Amino acid sequence: MANDQEIKDMVRQKYSEIALQDKADNQASCCGAGGCSTEVYNIMSDDYTTLEGYNADADLGLGCGLPTQYAQIKKGDTVIDLGSGAGNDCFIARHETGETGKVIGIDFTPAMIDKARTNAEVRGFNNVEFRQGDIEKMPVTANVADVVVSNCVLNLVPNKDGVFKEIFRVLKPGGHFSISDIVLEGNLPPAIQQAAEMYAGCVSGAIQKQVYMELITTNGFTNITLQKEKAIIIPDDILSGYLSAEEIAQFKNSNTGIYSVTVYAEKPKEAACCPPGCC
């Protein structure tokens, strides 16, 4: 697999292409990665259409959960969405915060930022802001957010520990996050681990569930709760691009699990500005 910068460049390029596609094209792929399936499979994302604040134009079908549904957002809250894409989670969060709240979406893909800003402007959403930046080094000052949400994004970031440190930094003491992501139990076959498309498709960049949860703990968060978990089944026509028929059978019998999880955690009310060991 490529180094961290090459991975970021690859993800930025892929998601720039996705920003110019419509939702139907994205749903015909693994997490919107483009062209991985011969049939329409929406193997990651949940149905947003029943949530208040949903905007079809902002839904690219790229998520793997419904973090805003579980995020306990209150009126007047400041919410940050990591990897905000075309703005879907931001607009749902805005419905929860109301006019007195504020929503900040962060994405490192210029095409996504442009699309999200257009979606906000045509709807007159003056309290939703989109900032281009890396979620490993957010363009946000410390202790500003009541809530952080993210949907199927951290698995795309090589330095996941760095992202959790940044989440801790930008949350107010007593604030919390609700994040949907992809995690593993067991080991992926090498051909999948090394595939750039499977990385951009939200699979090979995932880490072990236990390691993921330990990162949250070691970065100082408390009251860690698994809000939702569901198994992700990769269709054979996707797997066949990377594995032989025999390897597919071995993979299915290996007890390796790919899961979408939604995790909640809090920054302690008496917390310092940054997580343990960062100063």
C-alpha atoms as a PDB file:
ATOM      1  CA  MET A   1       0.000   0.000   0.000  1.00  0.00           C
ATOM      2  CA  ALA A   2       1.125   3.586  -0.613  1.00  0.00           C
ATOM      3  CA  ASN A   3       2.490   5.906   2.066  1.00  0.00           C
ATOM      4  CA  ASP A   4       0.227   8.275   3.999  1.00  0.00           C
ATOM      5  CA  GLN A   5       0.544  11.216   1.596  1.00  0.00           C
ATOM      6  CA  GLU A   6      -0.039   9.019  -1.451  1.00  0.00           C
ATOM      7  CA  ILE A   7      -3.126   7.585   0.237  1.00  0.00           C
ATOM      8  CA  LYS A   8      -4.456  11.093   0.923  1.00  0.00           C
ATOM      9  CA  ASP A   9      -3.816  12.159  -2.668  1.00  0.00           C
ATOM     10  CA  MET A  10      -5.574   9.056  -3.965  1.00  0.00           C
ATOM     11  CA  VAL A  11      -8.595   9.597  -1.717  1.00  0.00           C
ATOM     12  CA  ARG A  12      -8.779  13.295  -2.659  1.00  0.00           C
ATOM     13  CA  GLN A  13      -8.716  12.429  -6.370  1.00  0.00           C
ATOM     14  CA  LYS A  14     -11.343   9.710  -6.014  1.00  0.00           C
ATOM     15  CA  TYR A  15     -13.714  11.859  -3.973  1.00  0.00           C
ATOM     16  CA  SER A  16     -13.258  14.766  -6.375  1.00  0.00           C
ATOM     17  CA  GLU A  17     -14.596  12.436  -9.067  1.00  0.00           C
ATOM     18  CA  ILE A  18     -17.430  11.308  -6.800  1.00  0.00           C
ATOM     19  CA  ALA A  19     -18.462  14.923  -6.167  1.00  0.00           C
ATOM     20  CA  LEU A  20     -19.201  15.255  -9.870  1.00  0.00           C
ATOM     21  CA  GLN A  21     -21.262  12.052 -10.028  1.00  0.00           C
ATOM     22  CA  ASP A  22     -24.906  11.672  -9.122  1.00  0.00           C
ATOM     23  CA  LYS A  23     -26.147   9.532  -6.250  1.00  0.00           C
ATOM     24  CA  ALA A  24     -27.152   6.618  -8.497  1.00  0.00           C
ATOM     25  CA  ASP A  25     -23.570   6.239  -9.738  1.00  0.00           C
ATOM     26  CA  ASN A  26     -22.212   6.386  -6.196  1.00  0.00           C
ATOM     27  CA  GLN A  27     -24.654   3.790  -4.918  1.00  0.00           C
ATOM     28  CA  ALA A  28     -23.564   1.448  -7.708  1.00  0.00           C
ATOM     29  CA  SER A  29     -20.195   1.209  -5.998  1.00  0.00           C
ATOM     30  CA  CYS A  30     -18.678   0.232  -2.670  1.00  0.00           C
ATOM     31  CA  CYS A  31     -19.198   3.330  -0.545  1.00  0.00           C
ATOM     32  CA  GLY A  32     -19.076   5.494  -3.650  1.00  0.00           C
ATOM     33  CA  ALA A  33     -15.612   4.389  -4.695  1.00  0.00           C
ATOM     34  CA  GLY A  34     -16.680   4.100  -8.314  1.00  0.00           C
ATOM     35  CA  GLY A  35     -17.160   1.159 -10.589  1.00  0.00           C
ATOM     36  CA  CYS A  36     -16.659  -1.693  -8.137  1.00  0.00           C
ATOM     37  CA  SER A  37     -19.949  -3.503  -8.696  1.00  0.00           C
ATOM     38  CA  THR A  38     -21.839  -4.724 -11.735  1.00  0.00           C
ATOM     39  CA  GLU A  39     -25.192  -4.250  -9.990  1.00  0.00           C
ATOM     40  CA  VAL A  40     -26.652  -1.541  -7.798  1.00  0.00           C
ATOM     41  CA  TYR A  41     -25.421  -2.283  -4.269  1.00  0.00           C
ATOM     42  CA  ASN A  42     -25.733   0.199  -1.493  1.00  0.00           C
ATOM     43  CA  ILE A  43     -23.733  -1.987   0.837  1.00  0.00           C
ATOM     44  CA  MET A  44     -22.689   0.633   3.389  1.00  0.00           C
ATOM     45  CA  SER A  45     -25.168   3.456   3.790  1.00  0.00           C
ATOM     46  CA  ASP A  46     -28.421   3.607   5.735  1.00  0.00           C
ATOM     47  CA  ASP A  47     -31.608   5.327   4.599  1.00  0.00           C
ATOM     48  CA  TYR A  48     -31.535   9.045   5.415  1.00  0.00           C
ATOM     49  CA  THR A  49     -34.753   9.985   3.674  1.00  0.00           C
ATOM     50  CA  THR A  50     -36.948   9.824   6.794  1.00  0.00           C
ATOM     51  CA  LEU A  51     -34.756  12.177   8.853  1.00  0.00           C
ATOM     52  CA  GLU A  52     -35.810  15.796   9.339  1.00  0.00           C
ATOM     53  CA  GLY A  53     -33.536  18.166   7.448  1.00  0.00           C
ATOM     54  CA  TYR A  54     -32.707  15.630   4.738  1.00  0.00           C
ATOM     55  CA  ASN A  55     -31.803  17.152   1.365  1.00  0.00           C
ATOM     56  CA  ALA A  56     -31.626  14.775  -1.582  1.00  0.00           C
ATOM     57  CA  ASP A  57     -29.210  17.025  -3.503  1.00  0.00           C
ATOM     58  CA  ALA A  58     -26.684  16.721  -0.674  1.00  0.00           C
ATOM     59  CA  ASP A  59     -26.962  12.937  -0.310  1.00  0.00           C
ATOM     60  CA  LEU A  60     -24.256  11.205  -2.360  1.00  0.00           C
ATOM     61  CA  GLY A  61     -24.890   7.806  -0.780  1.00  0.00           C
ATOM     62  CA  LEU A  62     -21.417   7.660   0.763  1.00  0.00           C
ATOM     63  CA  GLY A  63     -22.158   7.018   4.429  1.00  0.00           C
ATOM     64  CA  CYS A  64     -22.092   3.868   6.529  1.00  0.00           C
ATOM     65  CA  GLY A  65     -24.497   4.907   9.294  1.00  0.00           C
ATOM     66  CA  LEU A  66     -26.722   7.669  10.643  1.00  0.00           C
ATOM     67  CA  PRO A  67     -24.547   9.448  13.225  1.00  0.00           C
ATOM     68  CA  THR A  68     -26.727  12.554  13.344  1.00  0.00           C
ATOM     69  CA  GLN A  69     -29.659  10.390  14.445  1.00  0.00           C
ATOM     70  CA  TYR A  70     -27.709   9.267  17.510  1.00  0.00           C
ATOM     71  CA  ALA A  71     -25.731  12.442  18.225  1.00  0.00           C
ATOM     72  CA  GLN A  72     -28.108  13.988  20.792  1.00  0.00           C
ATOM     73  CA  ILE A  73     -27.836  17.412  19.154  1.00  0.00           C
ATOM     74  CA  LYS A  74     -29.713  20.148  21.009  1.00  0.00           C
ATOM     75  CA  LYS A  75     -31.037  23.545  19.982  1.00  0.00           C
ATOM     76  CA  GLY A  76     -28.242  26.121  19.920  1.00  0.00           C
ATOM     77  CA  ASP A  77     -25.418  23.572  19.709  1.00  0.00           C
ATOM     78  CA  THR A  78     -22.286  24.072  17.633  1.00  0.00           C
ATOM     79  CA  VAL A  79     -21.728  20.934  15.572  1.00  0.00           C
ATOM     80  CA  ILE A  80     -18.691  19.929  13.504  1.00  0.00           C
ATOM     81  CA  ASP A  81     -19.043  17.329  10.747  1.00  0.00           C
ATOM     82  CA  LEU A  82     -15.797  15.628   9.717  1.00  0.00           C
ATOM     83  CA  GLY A  83     -15.649  14.770   6.013  1.00  0.00           C
ATOM     84  CA  SER A  84     -18.800  16.728   5.270  1.00  0.00           C
ATOM     85  CA  GLY A  85     -19.031  15.851   1.570  1.00  0.00           C
ATOM     86  CA  ALA A  86     -21.948  17.560  -0.152  1.00  0.00           C
ATOM     87  CA  GLY A  87     -23.440  18.605   3.178  1.00  0.00           C
ATOM     88  CA  ASN A  88     -26.056  15.967   3.988  1.00  0.00           C
ATOM     89  CA  ASP A  89     -25.161  15.381   7.646  1.00  0.00           C
ATOM     90  CA  CYS A  90     -24.608  19.107   8.150  1.00  0.00           C
ATOM     91  CA  PHE A  91     -28.112  19.932   6.973  1.00  0.00           C
ATOM     92  CA  ILE A  92     -29.667  17.285   9.205  1.00  0.00           C
ATOM     93  CA  ALA A  93     -27.587  18.601  12.112  1.00  0.00           C
ATOM     94  CA  ARG A  94     -28.800  22.129  11.292  1.00  0.00           C
ATOM     95  CA  HIS A  95     -32.388  20.982  11.678  1.00  0.00           C
ATOM     96  CA  GLU A  96     -31.523  19.810  15.192  1.00  0.00           C
ATOM     97  CA  THR A  97     -29.531  22.905  16.223  1.00  0.00           C
ATOM     98  CA  GLY A  98     -32.137  25.315  14.878  1.00  0.00           C
ATOM     99  CA  GLU A  99     -31.460  28.903  13.884  1.00  0.00           C
ATOM    100  CA  THR A 100     -29.557  29.581  17.098  1.00  0.00           C
ATOM    101  CA  GLY A 101     -26.996  26.841  16.481  1.00  0.00           C
ATOM    102  CA  LYS A 102     -24.070  26.577  14.116  1.00  0.00           C
ATOM    103  CA  VAL A 103     -22.791  23.760  11.921  1.00  0.00           C
ATOM    104  CA  ILE A 104     -19.250  23.564  10.512  1.00  0.00           C
ATOM    105  CA  GLY A 105     -18.461  21.011   7.828  1.00  0.00           C
ATOM    106  CA  ILE A 106     -14.822  20.119   7.148  1.00  0.00           C
ATOM    107  CA  ASP A 107     -13.674  18.356   3.992  1.00  0.00           C
ATOM    108  CA  PHE A 108     -10.298  18.257   2.249  1.00  0.00           C
ATOM    109  CA  THR A 109     -11.719  17.862  -1.266  1.00  0.00           C
ATOM    110  CA  PRO A 110     -12.279  21.235  -3.010  1.00  0.00           C
ATOM    111  CA  ALA A 111     -14.988  19.820  -5.287  1.00  0.00           C
ATOM    112  CA  MET A 112     -16.964  18.603  -2.262  1.00  0.00           C
ATOM    113  CA  ILE A 113     -16.624  21.973  -0.527  1.00  0.00           C
ATOM    114  CA  ASP A 114     -17.894  23.743  -3.651  1.00  0.00           C
ATOM    115  CA  LYS A 115     -20.862  21.387  -3.919  1.00  0.00           C
ATOM    116  CA  ALA A 116     -21.734  21.731  -0.219  1.00  0.00           C
ATOM    117  CA  ARG A 117     -21.513  25.531  -0.290  1.00  0.00           C
ATOM    118  CA  THR A 118     -23.812  25.645  -3.305  1.00  0.00           C
ATOM    119  CA  ASN A 119     -26.305  23.365  -1.552  1.00  0.00           C
ATOM    120  CA  ALA A 120     -26.256  25.625   1.530  1.00  0.00           C
ATOM    121  CA  GLU A 121     -26.549  28.870  -0.412  1.00  0.00           C
ATOM    122  CA  VAL A 122     -29.546  27.824  -2.509  1.00  0.00           C
ATOM    123  CA  ARG A 123     -31.359  26.892   0.707  1.00  0.00           C
ATOM    124  CA  GLY A 124     -30.423  30.073   2.532  1.00  0.00           C
ATOM    125  CA  PHE A 125     -28.658  28.208   5.342  1.00  0.00           C
ATOM    126  CA  ASN A 126     -26.673  31.047   6.873  1.00  0.00           C
ATOM    127  CA  ASN A 127     -25.618  29.117   9.979  1.00  0.00           C
ATOM    128  CA  VAL A 128     -23.946  26.276   8.055  1.00  0.00           C
ATOM    129  CA  GLU A 129     -20.321  26.827   7.064  1.00  0.00           C
ATOM    130  CA  PHE A 130     -17.957  24.628   5.055  1.00  0.00           C
ATOM    131  CA  ARG A 131     -14.190  24.804   5.545  1.00  0.00           C
ATOM    132  CA  GLN A 132     -11.590  23.077   3.428  1.00  0.00           C
ATOM    133  CA  GLY A 133      -9.037  21.312   5.582  1.00  0.00           C
ATOM    134  CA  ASP A 134      -7.519  18.093   6.853  1.00  0.00           C
ATOM    135  CA  ILE A 135      -9.368  16.505   9.778  1.00  0.00           C
ATOM    136  CA  GLU A 136      -5.970  15.528  11.213  1.00  0.00           C
ATOM    137  CA  LYS A 137      -5.369  19.276  11.597  1.00  0.00           C
ATOM    138  CA  MET A 138      -8.754  20.951  11.678  1.00  0.00           C
ATOM    139  CA  PRO A 139      -9.152  24.617  10.726  1.00  0.00           C
ATOM    140  CA  VAL A 140     -11.031  25.175  13.999  1.00  0.00           C
ATOM    141  CA  THR A 141      -9.944  26.642  17.339  1.00  0.00           C
ATOM    142  CA  ALA A 142     -10.013  24.561  20.517  1.00  0.00           C
ATOM    143  CA  ASN A 143     -13.086  24.019  22.703  1.00  0.00           C
ATOM    144  CA  VAL A 144     -15.711  25.271  20.243  1.00  0.00           C
ATOM    145  CA  ALA A 145     -17.923  22.268  19.462  1.00  0.00           C
ATOM    146  CA  ASP A 146     -20.716  20.807  21.545  1.00  0.00           C
ATOM    147  CA  VAL A 147     -20.958  17.832  19.190  1.00  0.00           C
ATOM    148  CA  VAL A 148     -18.740  16.237  16.536  1.00  0.00           C
ATOM    149  CA  VAL A 149     -20.221  13.869  13.961  1.00  0.00           C
ATOM    150  CA  SER A 150     -18.663  11.937  11.093  1.00  0.00           C
ATOM    151  CA  ASN A 151     -19.978   9.368   8.655  1.00  0.00           C
ATOM    152  CA  CYS A 152     -17.669   6.773   7.080  1.00  0.00           C
ATOM    153  CA  VAL A 153     -14.624   9.063   6.969  1.00  0.00           C
ATOM    154  CA  LEU A 154     -12.082   8.111   9.626  1.00  0.00           C
ATOM    155  CA  ASN A 155     -11.441   4.792   7.862  1.00  0.00           C
ATOM    156  CA  LEU A 156     -10.079   6.859   4.944  1.00  0.00           C
ATOM    157  CA  VAL A 157      -7.517   8.629   7.150  1.00  0.00           C
ATOM    158  CA  PRO A 158      -4.135   6.937   7.727  1.00  0.00           C
ATOM    159  CA  ASN A 159      -3.525   8.668  11.086  1.00  0.00           C
ATOM    160  CA  LYS A 160      -6.675   7.817  13.011  1.00  0.00           C
ATOM    161  CA  ASP A 161      -5.022   8.558  16.350  1.00  0.00           C
ATOM    162  CA  GLY A 162      -4.339  12.091  15.139  1.00  0.00           C
ATOM    163  CA  VAL A 163      -7.999  12.581  14.245  1.00  0.00           C
ATOM    164  CA  PHE A 164      -9.184  11.515  17.705  1.00  0.00           C
ATOM    165  CA  LYS A 165      -6.690  13.948  19.252  1.00  0.00           C
ATOM    166  CA  GLU A 166      -8.156  16.715  17.100  1.00  0.00           C
ATOM    167  CA  ILE A 167     -11.715  15.758  18.030  1.00  0.00           C
ATOM    168  CA  PHE A 168     -10.738  16.015  21.699  1.00  0.00           C
ATOM    169  CA  ARG A 169      -9.145  19.419  21.080  1.00  0.00           C
ATOM    170  CA  VAL A 170     -12.103  21.023  19.290  1.00  0.00           C
ATOM    171  CA  LEU A 171     -14.787  19.683  21.632  1.00  0.00           C
ATOM    172  CA  LYS A 172     -15.816  21.782  24.592  1.00  0.00           C
ATOM    173  CA  PRO A 173     -15.323  20.117  27.989  1.00  0.00           C
ATOM    174  CA  GLY A 174     -18.454  18.037  28.411  1.00  0.00           C
ATOM    175  CA  GLY A 175     -18.996  17.835  24.655  1.00  0.00           C
ATOM    176  CA  HIS A 176     -19.348  14.557  22.804  1.00  0.00           C
ATOM    177  CA  PHE A 177     -19.068  12.843  19.447  1.00  0.00           C
ATOM    178  CA  SER A 178     -21.125  10.319  17.499  1.00  0.00           C
ATOM    179  CA  ILE A 179     -19.176   8.732  14.668  1.00  0.00           C
ATOM    180  CA  SER A 180     -20.142   6.069  12.137  1.00  0.00           C
ATOM    181  CA  ASP A 181     -17.236   4.138  10.679  1.00  0.00           C
ATOM    182  CA  ILE A 182     -16.043   0.809   9.290  1.00  0.00           C
ATOM    183  CA  VAL A 183     -14.047  -1.564  11.510  1.00  0.00           C
ATOM    184  CA  LEU A 184     -12.752  -5.115  11.233  1.00  0.00           C
ATOM    185  CA  GLU A 185     -12.641  -8.287  13.256  1.00  0.00           C
ATOM    186  CA  GLY A 186     -10.048 -10.583  11.726  1.00  0.00           C
ATOM    187  CA  ASN A 187      -7.672  -9.939   8.835  1.00  0.00           C
ATOM    188  CA  LEU A 188      -8.517  -8.973   5.273  1.00  0.00           C
ATOM    189  CA  PRO A 189      -6.830 -10.895   2.432  1.00  0.00           C
ATOM    190  CA  PRO A 190      -3.618  -9.149   1.242  1.00  0.00           C
ATOM    191  CA  ALA A 191      -5.110  -8.411  -2.194  1.00  0.00           C
ATOM    192  CA  ILE A 192      -7.870  -6.356  -0.569  1.00  0.00           C
ATOM    193  CA  GLN A 193      -5.552  -4.704   1.952  1.00  0.00           C
ATOM    194  CA  GLN A 194      -3.277  -3.456  -0.830  1.00  0.00           C
ATOM    195  CA  ALA A 195      -5.975  -2.281  -3.246  1.00  0.00           C
ATOM    196  CA  ALA A 196      -6.313   1.470  -3.653  1.00  0.00           C
ATOM    197  CA  GLU A 197      -9.924   1.167  -4.806  1.00  0.00           C
ATOM    198  CA  MET A 198     -10.838  -0.847  -1.728  1.00  0.00           C
ATOM    199  CA  TYR A 199      -9.203   1.836   0.412  1.00  0.00           C
ATOM    200  CA  ALA A 200     -11.201   4.614  -1.230  1.00  0.00           C
ATOM    201  CA  GLY A 201     -14.183   2.276  -0.985  1.00  0.00           C
ATOM    202  CA  CYS A 202     -13.993   2.368   2.809  1.00  0.00           C
ATOM    203  CA  VAL A 203     -12.810  -1.216   3.310  1.00  0.00           C
ATOM    204  CA  SER A 204      -9.043  -1.685   3.349  1.00  0.00           C
ATOM    205  CA  GLY A 205      -8.433   1.474   5.390  1.00  0.00           C
ATOM    206  CA  ALA A 206     -10.477   0.083   8.283  1.00  0.00           C
ATOM    207  CA  ILE A 207      -8.677  -1.083  11.426  1.00  0.00           C
ATOM    208  CA  GLN A 208      -9.487  -3.695  14.036  1.00  0.00           C
ATOM    209  CA  LYS A 209     -12.538  -2.863  16.149  1.00  0.00           C
ATOM    210  CA  GLN A 210     -10.612  -3.384  19.395  1.00  0.00           C
ATOM    211  CA  VAL A 211      -7.822  -1.047  18.276  1.00  0.00           C
ATOM    212  CA  TYR A 212     -10.380   1.557  17.195  1.00  0.00           C
ATOM    213  CA  MET A 213     -12.090   1.521  20.591  1.00  0.00           C
ATOM    214  CA  GLU A 214      -8.729   1.630  22.399  1.00  0.00           C
ATOM    215  CA  LEU A 215      -7.765   4.776  20.454  1.00  0.00           C
ATOM    216  CA  ILE A 216     -10.872   6.484  21.811  1.00  0.00           C
ATOM    217  CA  THR A 217     -10.017   5.471  25.367  1.00  0.00           C
ATOM    218  CA  THR A 218      -6.332   6.413  25.218  1.00  0.00           C
ATOM    219  CA  ASN A 219      -7.212   9.866  23.887  1.00  0.00           C
ATOM    220  CA  GLY A 220      -9.068  10.692  27.075  1.00  0.00           C
ATOM    221  CA  PHE A 221     -12.711  10.152  26.139  1.00  0.00           C
ATOM    222  CA  THR A 222     -15.192   8.725  28.614  1.00  0.00           C
ATOM    223  CA  ASN A 223     -18.665   7.157  28.598  1.00  0.00           C
ATOM    224  CA  ILE A 224     -17.795   5.306  25.391  1.00  0.00           C
ATOM    225  CA  THR A 225     -20.881   3.623  23.958  1.00  0.00           C
ATOM    226  CA  LEU A 226     -21.422   1.459  20.882  1.00  0.00           C
ATOM    227  CA  GLN A 227     -24.687   2.933  19.633  1.00  0.00           C
ATOM    228  CA  LYS A 228     -25.168   0.696  16.614  1.00  0.00           C
ATOM    229  CA  GLU A 229     -23.384  -2.133  14.810  1.00  0.00           C
ATOM    230  CA  LYS A 230     -24.202  -3.947  11.585  1.00  0.00           C
ATOM    231  CA  ALA A 231     -22.327  -6.422   9.417  1.00  0.00           C
ATOM    232  CA  ILE A 232     -21.195  -5.332   5.951  1.00  0.00           C
ATOM    233  CA  ILE A 233     -21.275  -8.034   3.292  1.00  0.00           C
ATOM    234  CA  ILE A 234     -19.147  -7.337   0.213  1.00  0.00           C
ATOM    235  CA  PRO A 235     -20.834  -8.796  -2.895  1.00  0.00           C
ATOM    236  CA  ASP A 236     -19.001 -11.468  -4.853  1.00  0.00           C
ATOM    237  CA  ASP A 237     -18.805  -9.328  -7.984  1.00  0.00           C
ATOM    238  CA  ILE A 238     -16.754  -6.786  -6.026  1.00  0.00           C
ATOM    239  CA  LEU A 239     -14.576  -9.428  -4.402  1.00  0.00           C
ATOM    240  CA  SER A 240     -13.915 -11.108  -7.748  1.00  0.00           C
ATOM    241  CA  GLY A 241     -11.976  -8.049  -8.873  1.00  0.00           C
ATOM    242  CA  TYR A 242      -9.348  -8.850  -6.248  1.00  0.00           C
ATOM    243  CA  LEU A 243      -9.705 -12.522  -5.304  1.00  0.00           C
ATOM    244  CA  SER A 244     -10.028 -15.832  -7.130  1.00  0.00           C
ATOM    245  CA  ALA A 245     -13.092 -18.012  -6.546  1.00  0.00           C
ATOM    246  CA  GLU A 246     -11.061 -20.131  -4.144  1.00  0.00           C
ATOM    247  CA  GLU A 247      -9.825 -17.061  -2.272  1.00  0.00           C
ATOM    248  CA  ILE A 248     -13.381 -15.717  -2.013  1.00  0.00           C
ATOM    249  CA  ALA A 249     -14.496 -18.987  -0.455  1.00  0.00           C
ATOM    250  CA  GLN A 250     -11.578 -18.886   1.988  1.00  0.00           C
ATOM    251  CA  PHE A 251     -12.378 -15.288   2.896  1.00  0.00           C
ATOM    252  CA  LYS A 252     -16.017 -16.100   3.602  1.00  0.00           C
ATOM    253  CA  ASN A 253     -14.988 -19.007   5.827  1.00  0.00           C
ATOM    254  CA  SER A 254     -12.271 -17.067   7.667  1.00  0.00           C
ATOM    255  CA  ASN A 255     -14.521 -15.488  10.306  1.00  0.00           C
ATOM    256  CA  THR A 256     -13.277 -12.059   9.217  1.00  0.00           C
ATOM    257  CA  GLY A 257     -16.023  -9.530   9.871  1.00  0.00           C
ATOM    258  CA  ILE A 258     -16.467  -6.076   8.359  1.00  0.00           C
ATOM    259  CA  TYR A 259     -18.769  -3.907  10.438  1.00  0.00           C
ATOM    260  CA  SER A 260     -20.364  -0.504  10.371  1.00  0.00           C
ATOM    261  CA  VAL A 261     -20.340   0.904  13.893  1.00  0.00           C
ATOM    262  CA  THR A 262     -21.675   4.102  15.389  1.00  0.00           C
ATOM    263  CA  VAL A 263     -19.713   5.085  18.484  1.00  0.00           C
ATOM    264  CA  TYR A 264     -20.501   7.751  21.092  1.00  0.00           C
ATOM    265  CA  ALA A 265     -17.997   9.228  23.575  1.00  0.00           C
ATOM    266  CA  GLU A 266     -17.622  12.320  25.730  1.00  0.00           C
ATOM    267  CA  LYS A 267     -14.834  14.747  26.534  1.00  0.00           C
ATOM    268  CA  PRO A 268     -14.761  15.012  30.344  1.00  0.00           C
ATOM    269  CA  LYS A 269     -16.167  18.231  31.805  1.00  0.00           C
ATOM    270  CA  GLU A 270     -12.905  18.846  33.653  1.00  0.00           C
ATOM    271  CA  ALA A 271     -10.729  17.923  30.685  1.00  0.00           C
ATOM    272  CA  ALA A 272      -7.618  19.799  29.652  1.00  0.00           C
ATOM    273  CA  CYS A 273      -7.510  21.312  26.181  1.00  0.00           C
ATOM    274  CA  CYS A 274      -5.841  18.270  24.659  1.00  0.00           C
ATOM    275  CA  PRO A 275      -5.773  14.498  25.255  1.00  0.00           C
ATOM    276  CA  PRO A 276      -3.239  12.734  27.465  1.00  0.00           C
ATOM    277  CA  GLY A 277       0.336  12.848  26.202  1.00  0.00           C
ATOM    278  CA  CYS A 278      -0.176  15.538  23.564  1.00  0.00           C
ATOM    279  CA  CYS A 279       1.580  18.394  25.383  1.00  0.00           C
END
